[in-house]
Amino acid sequence: MESTVKITAAEVNKLRQTTGAGMMDCKKALVEAEGNFEKAIEILRKKGQKVAANRADRASTEGAAIAKVNKAKTHGVAIVLGCETDFVGKNENFVNLANQFADLAFKYATKEEFLAADFDGMTVADKLIEQTGVIGEKLEITSFEKIEAPFVGFYIHAGNKIATLVGLSAAVDGAEAVAKDVAMQVAAMNPIALDQDSVDASVIAKEIEIAKDQLRQEGKPEAMLDNIAKGKLNRFFKDNTLVNQDFIKDSKISVANYVKTIGKDVKVVNYKRVTLG
């Protein structure tokens, strides 16, 4: 038996604004719910859950990488809202949703806490499922990073492909410009660690072994291998650790020395980098 409840255009539009679902989907949900707004939202969410299950094996390799800092510039967040296609990733509503998620992320310490957080009356996890149904692509938070420092800067690469955060040891004059420059360095050069002391011991052992193998192939005496390998390791640190890298805007100085231009004791204390894929 067909519903006798009259569904107005205003009600359909309100549901569309709330959920982001298409006009016809909203009308059908309201008809099925006999005009009950909350029930209509639940119907749309169930549709989203069905779509999400169907797309669970898809890869969310596109999307939007977002970085933000708080007003005091002492706390930064970087997230990636992943989707399946570049077309959706560039959509204005999708990027707006990613920004809303990033704003909310400040309140939570871990990705798990964030996914359980309230977002307009549902959890973030449920919102992702709902929007999977609306958009028709798998949506997920593929990266969630946070840092705190006396001064935090950020950078978002064109098209929201990469987002980075950089923490400095002091909030001095010039900190904002320097932090942004270093955040751009992180985006461009993708260092493996902050400094040589931060490199995992297994990585160091592997690099030493690689260097020794190369030296043996070059015919170097076994007694000399350790010393020469250490030299190659230092080069590895210079190329791959943030503070030791050549500064991309002036290759005559290291990142560490560039940061000292705003204060001899100022250092990079932390960084995070998130990217699509």
C-alpha atoms as a PDB file:
ATOM      1  CA  MET A   1       0.000   0.000   0.000  1.00  0.00           C
ATOM      2  CA  GLU A   2       1.401   3.373  -1.045  1.00  0.00           C
ATOM      3  CA  SER A   3       2.152   5.957   1.653  1.00  0.00           C
ATOM      4  CA  THR A   4      -0.372   8.805   1.962  1.00  0.00           C
ATOM      5  CA  VAL A   5       2.179  11.081   3.694  1.00  0.00           C
ATOM      6  CA  LYS A   6       2.920  14.122   1.528  1.00  0.00           C
ATOM      7  CA  ILE A   7       6.673  14.760   1.177  1.00  0.00           C
ATOM      8  CA  THR A   8       7.513  18.396   0.481  1.00  0.00           C
ATOM      9  CA  ALA A   9      10.448  19.677  -1.582  1.00  0.00           C
ATOM     10  CA  ALA A  10      11.688  21.514   1.516  1.00  0.00           C
ATOM     11  CA  GLU A  11      11.862  18.243   3.482  1.00  0.00           C
ATOM     12  CA  VAL A  12      13.718  16.536   0.646  1.00  0.00           C
ATOM     13  CA  ASN A  13      16.166  19.426   0.428  1.00  0.00           C
ATOM     14  CA  LYS A  14      16.727  19.401   4.206  1.00  0.00           C
ATOM     15  CA  LEU A  15      17.560  15.686   4.093  1.00  0.00           C
ATOM     16  CA  ARG A  16      19.854  16.263   1.135  1.00  0.00           C
ATOM     17  CA  GLN A  17      21.688  19.048   2.995  1.00  0.00           C
ATOM     18  CA  THR A  18      22.040  16.851   6.082  1.00  0.00           C
ATOM     19  CA  THR A  19      23.256  13.688   4.360  1.00  0.00           C
ATOM     20  CA  GLY A  20      24.634  14.761   0.998  1.00  0.00           C
ATOM     21  CA  ALA A  21      22.528  12.075  -0.707  1.00  0.00           C
ATOM     22  CA  GLY A  22      20.895  12.686  -4.092  1.00  0.00           C
ATOM     23  CA  MET A  23      17.455  14.288  -4.353  1.00  0.00           C
ATOM     24  CA  MET A  24      15.702  11.118  -5.571  1.00  0.00           C
ATOM     25  CA  ASP A  25      17.383   8.970  -2.903  1.00  0.00           C
ATOM     26  CA  CYS A  26      16.260  11.457  -0.240  1.00  0.00           C
ATOM     27  CA  LYS A  27      12.691  11.491  -1.535  1.00  0.00           C
ATOM     28  CA  LYS A  28      12.532   7.683  -1.625  1.00  0.00           C
ATOM     29  CA  ALA A  29      13.943   7.477   1.916  1.00  0.00           C
ATOM     30  CA  LEU A  30      11.377   9.991   3.237  1.00  0.00           C
ATOM     31  CA  VAL A  31       8.532   8.139   1.497  1.00  0.00           C
ATOM     32  CA  GLU A  32       9.735   4.830   2.963  1.00  0.00           C
ATOM     33  CA  ALA A  33      10.052   6.471   6.384  1.00  0.00           C
ATOM     34  CA  GLU A  34       6.580   8.027   6.020  1.00  0.00           C
ATOM     35  CA  GLY A  35       8.017  11.483   6.563  1.00  0.00           C
ATOM     36  CA  ASN A  36      10.066  10.601   9.680  1.00  0.00           C
ATOM     37  CA  PHE A  37      13.302  12.545   9.232  1.00  0.00           C
ATOM     38  CA  GLU A  38      15.472  10.496  11.610  1.00  0.00           C
ATOM     39  CA  LYS A  39      14.189   7.218  10.136  1.00  0.00           C
ATOM     40  CA  ALA A  40      14.962   8.524   6.628  1.00  0.00           C
ATOM     41  CA  ILE A  41      18.555   9.256   7.680  1.00  0.00           C
ATOM     42  CA  GLU A  42      18.812   5.710   9.042  1.00  0.00           C
ATOM     43  CA  ILE A  43      17.494   4.306   5.742  1.00  0.00           C
ATOM     44  CA  LEU A  44      20.138   6.238   3.816  1.00  0.00           C
ATOM     45  CA  ARG A  45      22.817   5.083   6.253  1.00  0.00           C
ATOM     46  CA  LYS A  46      21.769   1.469   5.761  1.00  0.00           C
ATOM     47  CA  LYS A  47      22.058   2.000   2.033  1.00  0.00           C
ATOM     48  CA  GLY A  48      25.552   3.334   2.668  1.00  0.00           C
ATOM     49  CA  GLN A  49      26.448   0.289   4.754  1.00  0.00           C
ATOM     50  CA  LYS A  50      25.368  -1.964   1.922  1.00  0.00           C
ATOM     51  CA  VAL A  51      27.510  -0.044  -0.583  1.00  0.00           C
ATOM     52  CA  ALA A  52      30.440  -0.019   1.843  1.00  0.00           C
ATOM     53  CA  ALA A  53      30.278  -3.807   2.197  1.00  0.00           C
ATOM     54  CA  ASN A  54      30.212  -4.216  -1.576  1.00  0.00           C
ATOM     55  CA  ARG A  55      33.293  -2.008  -1.934  1.00  0.00           C
ATOM     56  CA  ALA A  56      35.301  -3.277   1.042  1.00  0.00           C
ATOM     57  CA  ASP A  57      37.971  -4.790  -1.209  1.00  0.00           C
ATOM     58  CA  ARG A  58      38.502  -1.578  -3.182  1.00  0.00           C
ATOM     59  CA  ALA A  59      41.634   0.513  -2.608  1.00  0.00           C
ATOM     60  CA  SER A  60      41.224   4.101  -1.349  1.00  0.00           C
ATOM     61  CA  THR A  61      44.317   5.402  -3.156  1.00  0.00           C
ATOM     62  CA  GLU A  62      42.942   8.845  -4.041  1.00  0.00           C
ATOM     63  CA  GLY A  63      41.453  11.486  -1.768  1.00  0.00           C
ATOM     64  CA  ALA A  64      42.425  14.631   0.112  1.00  0.00           C
ATOM     65  CA  ALA A  65      45.395  15.158   2.438  1.00  0.00           C
ATOM     66  CA  ILE A  66      44.698  17.939   4.957  1.00  0.00           C
ATOM     67  CA  ALA A  67      46.951  19.567   7.571  1.00  0.00           C
ATOM     68  CA  LYS A  68      45.861  22.169  10.122  1.00  0.00           C
ATOM     69  CA  VAL A  69      47.236  23.878  13.217  1.00  0.00           C
ATOM     70  CA  ASN A  70      45.362  25.331  16.179  1.00  0.00           C
ATOM     71  CA  LYS A  71      45.092  29.085  16.807  1.00  0.00           C
ATOM     72  CA  ALA A  72      48.060  29.057  19.199  1.00  0.00           C
ATOM     73  CA  LYS A  73      50.121  27.144  16.588  1.00  0.00           C
ATOM     74  CA  THR A  74      51.244  24.631  19.178  1.00  0.00           C
ATOM     75  CA  HIS A  75      49.240  21.636  17.952  1.00  0.00           C
ATOM     76  CA  GLY A  76      48.878  20.222  14.445  1.00  0.00           C
ATOM     77  CA  VAL A  77      46.852  17.483  12.770  1.00  0.00           C
ATOM     78  CA  ALA A  78      47.283  15.832   9.381  1.00  0.00           C
ATOM     79  CA  ILE A  79      44.784  13.371   7.934  1.00  0.00           C
ATOM     80  CA  VAL A  80      43.983  11.715   4.635  1.00  0.00           C
ATOM     81  CA  LEU A  81      40.384  11.106   3.671  1.00  0.00           C
ATOM     82  CA  GLY A  82      40.767   8.374   1.072  1.00  0.00           C
ATOM     83  CA  CYS A  83      38.490   7.549  -1.849  1.00  0.00           C
ATOM     84  CA  GLU A  84      38.817   5.474  -5.029  1.00  0.00           C
ATOM     85  CA  THR A  85      39.058   8.058  -7.826  1.00  0.00           C
ATOM     86  CA  ASP A  86      40.763  11.363  -8.488  1.00  0.00           C
ATOM     87  CA  PHE A  87      37.407  12.735  -9.689  1.00  0.00           C
ATOM     88  CA  VAL A  88      35.849  12.331  -6.221  1.00  0.00           C
ATOM     89  CA  GLY A  89      39.056  13.418  -4.472  1.00  0.00           C
ATOM     90  CA  LYS A  90      38.900  16.809  -6.194  1.00  0.00           C
ATOM     91  CA  ASN A  91      35.185  17.327  -5.514  1.00  0.00           C
ATOM     92  CA  GLU A  92      34.556  20.446  -3.421  1.00  0.00           C
ATOM     93  CA  ASN A  93      32.104  18.722  -1.058  1.00  0.00           C
ATOM     94  CA  PHE A  94      34.552  15.856  -0.523  1.00  0.00           C
ATOM     95  CA  VAL A  95      37.407  18.273   0.316  1.00  0.00           C
ATOM     96  CA  ASN A  96      35.056  20.189   2.650  1.00  0.00           C
ATOM     97  CA  LEU A  97      34.254  16.936   4.461  1.00  0.00           C
ATOM     98  CA  ALA A  98      37.983  16.199   4.803  1.00  0.00           C
ATOM     99  CA  ASN A  99      38.466  19.667   6.322  1.00  0.00           C
ATOM    100  CA  GLN A 100      35.599  19.103   8.760  1.00  0.00           C
ATOM    101  CA  PHE A 101      37.171  15.813   9.819  1.00  0.00           C
ATOM    102  CA  ALA A 102      40.541  17.542  10.313  1.00  0.00           C
ATOM    103  CA  ASP A 103      38.933  20.207  12.522  1.00  0.00           C
ATOM    104  CA  LEU A 104      37.359  17.494  14.663  1.00  0.00           C
ATOM    105  CA  ALA A 105      40.609  15.494  14.839  1.00  0.00           C
ATOM    106  CA  PHE A 106      42.222  18.087  17.158  1.00  0.00           C
ATOM    107  CA  LYS A 107      40.135  16.746  20.042  1.00  0.00           C
ATOM    108  CA  TYR A 108      41.314  13.131  19.782  1.00  0.00           C
ATOM    109  CA  ALA A 109      44.656  11.477  20.453  1.00  0.00           C
ATOM    110  CA  THR A 110      44.309   8.405  18.243  1.00  0.00           C
ATOM    111  CA  LYS A 111      42.640   7.379  15.012  1.00  0.00           C
ATOM    112  CA  GLU A 112      40.486   4.884  16.932  1.00  0.00           C
ATOM    113  CA  GLU A 113      39.167   7.606  19.269  1.00  0.00           C
ATOM    114  CA  PHE A 114      38.559   9.874  16.293  1.00  0.00           C
ATOM    115  CA  LEU A 115      36.568   7.236  14.369  1.00  0.00           C
ATOM    116  CA  ALA A 116      34.351   6.749  17.443  1.00  0.00           C
ATOM    117  CA  ALA A 117      33.819  10.516  17.857  1.00  0.00           C
ATOM    118  CA  ASP A 118      30.471  12.251  17.316  1.00  0.00           C
ATOM    119  CA  PHE A 119      29.957  13.879  13.923  1.00  0.00           C
ATOM    120  CA  ASP A 120      26.529  15.513  13.575  1.00  0.00           C
ATOM    121  CA  GLY A 121      24.771  12.827  15.593  1.00  0.00           C
ATOM    122  CA  MET A 122      26.653   9.811  14.259  1.00  0.00           C
ATOM    123  CA  THR A 123      30.201   8.535  14.673  1.00  0.00           C
ATOM    124  CA  VAL A 124      32.916   9.460  12.183  1.00  0.00           C
ATOM    125  CA  ALA A 125      33.042   5.769  11.200  1.00  0.00           C
ATOM    126  CA  ASP A 126      29.291   5.806  10.469  1.00  0.00           C
ATOM    127  CA  LYS A 127      29.634   9.061   8.509  1.00  0.00           C
ATOM    128  CA  LEU A 128      32.236   7.373   6.313  1.00  0.00           C
ATOM    129  CA  ILE A 129      29.831   4.480   5.699  1.00  0.00           C
ATOM    130  CA  GLU A 130      26.971   6.879   4.978  1.00  0.00           C
ATOM    131  CA  GLN A 131      29.056   8.852   2.480  1.00  0.00           C
ATOM    132  CA  THR A 132      30.233   5.641   0.839  1.00  0.00           C
ATOM    133  CA  GLY A 133      26.579   5.048   0.059  1.00  0.00           C
ATOM    134  CA  VAL A 134      26.043   8.621  -1.124  1.00  0.00           C
ATOM    135  CA  ILE A 135      29.151   8.820  -3.318  1.00  0.00           C
ATOM    136  CA  GLY A 136      29.357   5.179  -4.375  1.00  0.00           C
ATOM    137  CA  GLU A 137      33.064   4.853  -3.543  1.00  0.00           C
ATOM    138  CA  LYS A 138      34.898   3.388  -0.566  1.00  0.00           C
ATOM    139  CA  LEU A 139      35.790   6.175   1.894  1.00  0.00           C
ATOM    140  CA  GLU A 140      38.179   5.772   4.810  1.00  0.00           C
ATOM    141  CA  ILE A 141      40.635   7.687   6.957  1.00  0.00           C
ATOM    142  CA  THR A 142      43.903   6.278   5.617  1.00  0.00           C
ATOM    143  CA  SER A 143      46.247   8.498   7.678  1.00  0.00           C
ATOM    144  CA  PHE A 144      45.899  10.239  11.058  1.00  0.00           C
ATOM    145  CA  GLU A 145      48.889  12.105  12.527  1.00  0.00           C
ATOM    146  CA  LYS A 146      49.331  14.725  15.245  1.00  0.00           C
ATOM    147  CA  ILE A 147      52.191  16.726  16.725  1.00  0.00           C
ATOM    148  CA  GLU A 148      52.636  19.229  19.547  1.00  0.00           C
ATOM    149  CA  ALA A 149      55.565  21.652  19.878  1.00  0.00           C
ATOM    150  CA  PRO A 150      56.298  25.236  20.962  1.00  0.00           C
ATOM    151  CA  PHE A 151      55.563  26.207  17.342  1.00  0.00           C
ATOM    152  CA  VAL A 152      53.869  24.052  14.683  1.00  0.00           C
ATOM    153  CA  GLY A 153      53.694  24.900  10.984  1.00  0.00           C
ATOM    154  CA  PHE A 154      52.144  23.065   8.058  1.00  0.00           C
ATOM    155  CA  TYR A 155      52.075  22.735   4.275  1.00  0.00           C
ATOM    156  CA  ILE A 156      49.575  21.201   1.864  1.00  0.00           C
ATOM    157  CA  HIS A 157      50.863  20.327  -1.591  1.00  0.00           C
ATOM    158  CA  ALA A 158      48.806  21.448  -4.607  1.00  0.00           C
ATOM    159  CA  GLY A 159      45.697  19.344  -5.113  1.00  0.00           C
ATOM    160  CA  ASN A 160      45.741  18.016  -1.527  1.00  0.00           C
ATOM    161  CA  LYS A 161      48.108  15.184  -2.521  1.00  0.00           C
ATOM    162  CA  ILE A 162      50.549  15.581   0.411  1.00  0.00           C
ATOM    163  CA  ALA A 163      50.171  17.320   3.786  1.00  0.00           C
ATOM    164  CA  THR A 164      52.965  17.914   6.290  1.00  0.00           C
ATOM    165  CA  LEU A 165      53.465  19.221   9.832  1.00  0.00           C
ATOM    166  CA  VAL A 166      56.690  20.558  11.351  1.00  0.00           C
ATOM    167  CA  GLY A 167      57.358  21.355  15.017  1.00  0.00           C
ATOM    168  CA  LEU A 168      59.991  23.883  16.077  1.00  0.00           C
ATOM    169  CA  SER A 169      61.558  24.189  19.523  1.00  0.00           C
ATOM    170  CA  ALA A 170      60.629  27.872  19.934  1.00  0.00           C
ATOM    171  CA  ALA A 171      57.950  30.322  18.811  1.00  0.00           C
ATOM    172  CA  VAL A 172      60.269  33.149  17.729  1.00  0.00           C
ATOM    173  CA  ASP A 173      60.032  35.836  15.054  1.00  0.00           C
ATOM    174  CA  GLY A 174      60.174  34.187  11.641  1.00  0.00           C
ATOM    175  CA  ALA A 175      59.018  30.797  12.954  1.00  0.00           C
ATOM    176  CA  GLU A 176      55.966  30.665  10.676  1.00  0.00           C
ATOM    177  CA  ALA A 177      57.903  31.180   7.432  1.00  0.00           C
ATOM    178  CA  VAL A 178      60.686  28.793   8.479  1.00  0.00           C
ATOM    179  CA  ALA A 179      58.275  26.084   9.630  1.00  0.00           C
ATOM    180  CA  LYS A 180      56.410  26.307   6.320  1.00  0.00           C
ATOM    181  CA  ASP A 181      59.673  26.078   4.346  1.00  0.00           C
ATOM    182  CA  VAL A 182      60.723  22.996   6.316  1.00  0.00           C
ATOM    183  CA  ALA A 183      57.241  21.500   5.877  1.00  0.00           C
ATOM    184  CA  MET A 184      57.665  21.991   2.119  1.00  0.00           C
ATOM    185  CA  GLN A 185      61.040  20.233   2.389  1.00  0.00           C
ATOM    186  CA  VAL A 186      59.339  17.280   4.105  1.00  0.00           C
ATOM    187  CA  ALA A 187      56.751  17.130   1.325  1.00  0.00           C
ATOM    188  CA  ALA A 188      59.361  17.254  -1.447  1.00  0.00           C
ATOM    189  CA  MET A 189      62.167  15.129   0.009  1.00  0.00           C
ATOM    190  CA  ASN A 190      60.258  12.607   2.159  1.00  0.00           C
ATOM    191  CA  PRO A 191      62.964  12.063   4.812  1.00  0.00           C
ATOM    192  CA  ILE A 192      62.935   8.732   6.649  1.00  0.00           C
ATOM    193  CA  ALA A 193      63.669  10.285  10.074  1.00  0.00           C
ATOM    194  CA  LEU A 194      64.290  13.578  11.870  1.00  0.00           C
ATOM    195  CA  ASP A 195      68.020  12.962  12.433  1.00  0.00           C
ATOM    196  CA  GLN A 196      70.560  10.132  12.528  1.00  0.00           C
ATOM    197  CA  ASP A 197      69.604   9.245  16.127  1.00  0.00           C
ATOM    198  CA  SER A 198      66.011   8.707  15.018  1.00  0.00           C
ATOM    199  CA  VAL A 199      66.832   6.171  12.285  1.00  0.00           C
ATOM    200  CA  ASP A 200      65.783   2.640  13.166  1.00  0.00           C
ATOM    201  CA  ALA A 201      68.707   0.378  14.048  1.00  0.00           C
ATOM    202  CA  SER A 202      67.581  -2.221  11.502  1.00  0.00           C
ATOM    203  CA  VAL A 203      67.767   0.395   8.715  1.00  0.00           C
ATOM    204  CA  ILE A 204      71.294   1.359   9.760  1.00  0.00           C
ATOM    205  CA  ALA A 205      72.404  -2.289   9.845  1.00  0.00           C
ATOM    206  CA  LYS A 206      70.951  -2.854   6.384  1.00  0.00           C
ATOM    207  CA  GLU A 207      72.672   0.229   4.943  1.00  0.00           C
ATOM    208  CA  ILE A 208      76.044  -0.819   6.405  1.00  0.00           C
ATOM    209  CA  GLU A 209      75.655  -4.289   4.898  1.00  0.00           C
ATOM    210  CA  ILE A 210      74.744  -2.839   1.489  1.00  0.00           C
ATOM    211  CA  ALA A 211      77.762  -0.519   1.625  1.00  0.00           C
ATOM    212  CA  LYS A 212      80.096  -3.391   2.556  1.00  0.00           C
ATOM    213  CA  ASP A 213      78.788  -5.564  -0.287  1.00  0.00           C
ATOM    214  CA  GLN A 214      79.405  -2.738  -2.758  1.00  0.00           C
ATOM    215  CA  LEU A 215      82.923  -2.232  -1.428  1.00  0.00           C
ATOM    216  CA  ARG A 216      83.721  -5.958  -1.672  1.00  0.00           C
ATOM    217  CA  GLN A 217      82.571  -5.923  -5.303  1.00  0.00           C
ATOM    218  CA  GLU A 218      84.934  -2.996  -5.882  1.00  0.00           C
ATOM    219  CA  GLY A 219      87.762  -5.123  -4.483  1.00  0.00           C
ATOM    220  CA  LYS A 220      88.359  -3.134  -1.282  1.00  0.00           C
ATOM    221  CA  PRO A 221      90.294  -4.996   1.470  1.00  0.00           C
ATOM    222  CA  GLU A 222      88.093  -6.481   4.234  1.00  0.00           C
ATOM    223  CA  ALA A 223      90.046  -4.562   6.916  1.00  0.00           C
ATOM    224  CA  MET A 224      89.003  -1.229   5.364  1.00  0.00           C
ATOM    225  CA  LEU A 225      85.309  -2.008   4.962  1.00  0.00           C
ATOM    226  CA  ASP A 226      84.071  -0.775   8.358  1.00  0.00           C
ATOM    227  CA  ASN A 227      85.643   2.680   8.060  1.00  0.00           C
ATOM    228  CA  ILE A 228      84.569   3.232   4.454  1.00  0.00           C
ATOM    229  CA  ALA A 229      81.056   1.925   5.205  1.00  0.00           C
ATOM    230  CA  LYS A 230      80.741   4.463   8.040  1.00  0.00           C
ATOM    231  CA  GLY A 231      81.532   7.211   5.555  1.00  0.00           C
ATOM    232  CA  LYS A 232      78.809   5.928   3.231  1.00  0.00           C
ATOM    233  CA  LEU A 233      76.429   5.765   6.199  1.00  0.00           C
ATOM    234  CA  ASN A 234      77.075   9.432   6.958  1.00  0.00           C
ATOM    235  CA  ARG A 235      76.160  10.215   3.364  1.00  0.00           C
ATOM    236  CA  PHE A 236      72.971   8.196   3.803  1.00  0.00           C
ATOM    237  CA  PHE A 237      72.087  10.275   6.898  1.00  0.00           C
ATOM    238  CA  LYS A 238      72.751  13.495   4.980  1.00  0.00           C
ATOM    239  CA  ASP A 239      70.456  12.478   2.136  1.00  0.00           C
ATOM    240  CA  ASN A 240      67.680  10.898   4.174  1.00  0.00           C
ATOM    241  CA  THR A 241      67.322  12.606   7.569  1.00  0.00           C
ATOM    242  CA  LEU A 242      65.470  15.903   7.646  1.00  0.00           C
ATOM    243  CA  VAL A 243      67.812  18.147   9.611  1.00  0.00           C
ATOM    244  CA  ASN A 244      70.892  16.908   7.724  1.00  0.00           C
ATOM    245  CA  GLN A 245      69.428  17.268   4.226  1.00  0.00           C
ATOM    246  CA  ASP A 246      70.480  20.137   1.981  1.00  0.00           C
ATOM    247  CA  PHE A 247      67.837  22.837   2.238  1.00  0.00           C
ATOM    248  CA  ILE A 248      65.863  22.792  -1.032  1.00  0.00           C
ATOM    249  CA  LYS A 249      65.841  26.611  -1.322  1.00  0.00           C
ATOM    250  CA  ASP A 250      69.596  26.922  -0.672  1.00  0.00           C
ATOM    251  CA  SER A 251      71.663  23.768  -1.145  1.00  0.00           C
ATOM    252  CA  LYS A 252      74.712  25.414   0.478  1.00  0.00           C
ATOM    253  CA  ILE A 253      73.184  24.953   3.930  1.00  0.00           C
ATOM    254  CA  SER A 254      71.476  22.100   5.776  1.00  0.00           C
ATOM    255  CA  VAL A 255      67.912  22.281   7.060  1.00  0.00           C
ATOM    256  CA  ALA A 256      69.268  22.470  10.616  1.00  0.00           C
ATOM    257  CA  ASN A 257      71.398  25.507   9.737  1.00  0.00           C
ATOM    258  CA  TYR A 258      68.508  27.150   7.891  1.00  0.00           C
ATOM    259  CA  VAL A 259      66.342  26.844  11.021  1.00  0.00           C
ATOM    260  CA  LYS A 260      69.106  28.487  13.067  1.00  0.00           C
ATOM    261  CA  THR A 261      68.713  31.664  10.977  1.00  0.00           C
ATOM    262  CA  ILE A 262      65.795  32.617  13.265  1.00  0.00           C
ATOM    263  CA  GLY A 263      67.670  31.726  16.459  1.00  0.00           C
ATOM    264  CA  LYS A 264      70.896  29.845  17.133  1.00  0.00           C
ATOM    265  CA  ASP A 265      69.158  27.459  19.547  1.00  0.00           C
ATOM    266  CA  VAL A 266      66.044  26.819  17.441  1.00  0.00           C
ATOM    267  CA  LYS A 267      65.662  23.234  16.187  1.00  0.00           C
ATOM    268  CA  VAL A 268      63.188  21.026  14.375  1.00  0.00           C
ATOM    269  CA  VAL A 269      61.774  18.739  17.052  1.00  0.00           C
ATOM    270  CA  ASN A 270      59.211  16.726  15.091  1.00  0.00           C
ATOM    271  CA  TYR A 271      57.518  16.292  11.737  1.00  0.00           C
ATOM    272  CA  LYS A 272      54.775  14.246  10.110  1.00  0.00           C
ATOM    273  CA  ARG A 273      53.969  13.589   6.443  1.00  0.00           C
ATOM    274  CA  VAL A 274      50.762  12.084   5.052  1.00  0.00           C
ATOM    275  CA  THR A 275      50.099  11.287   1.409  1.00  0.00           C
ATOM    276  CA  LEU A 276      47.526   9.607  -0.804  1.00  0.00           C
ATOM    277  CA  GLY A 277      47.787   5.893  -1.507  1.00  0.00           C
END
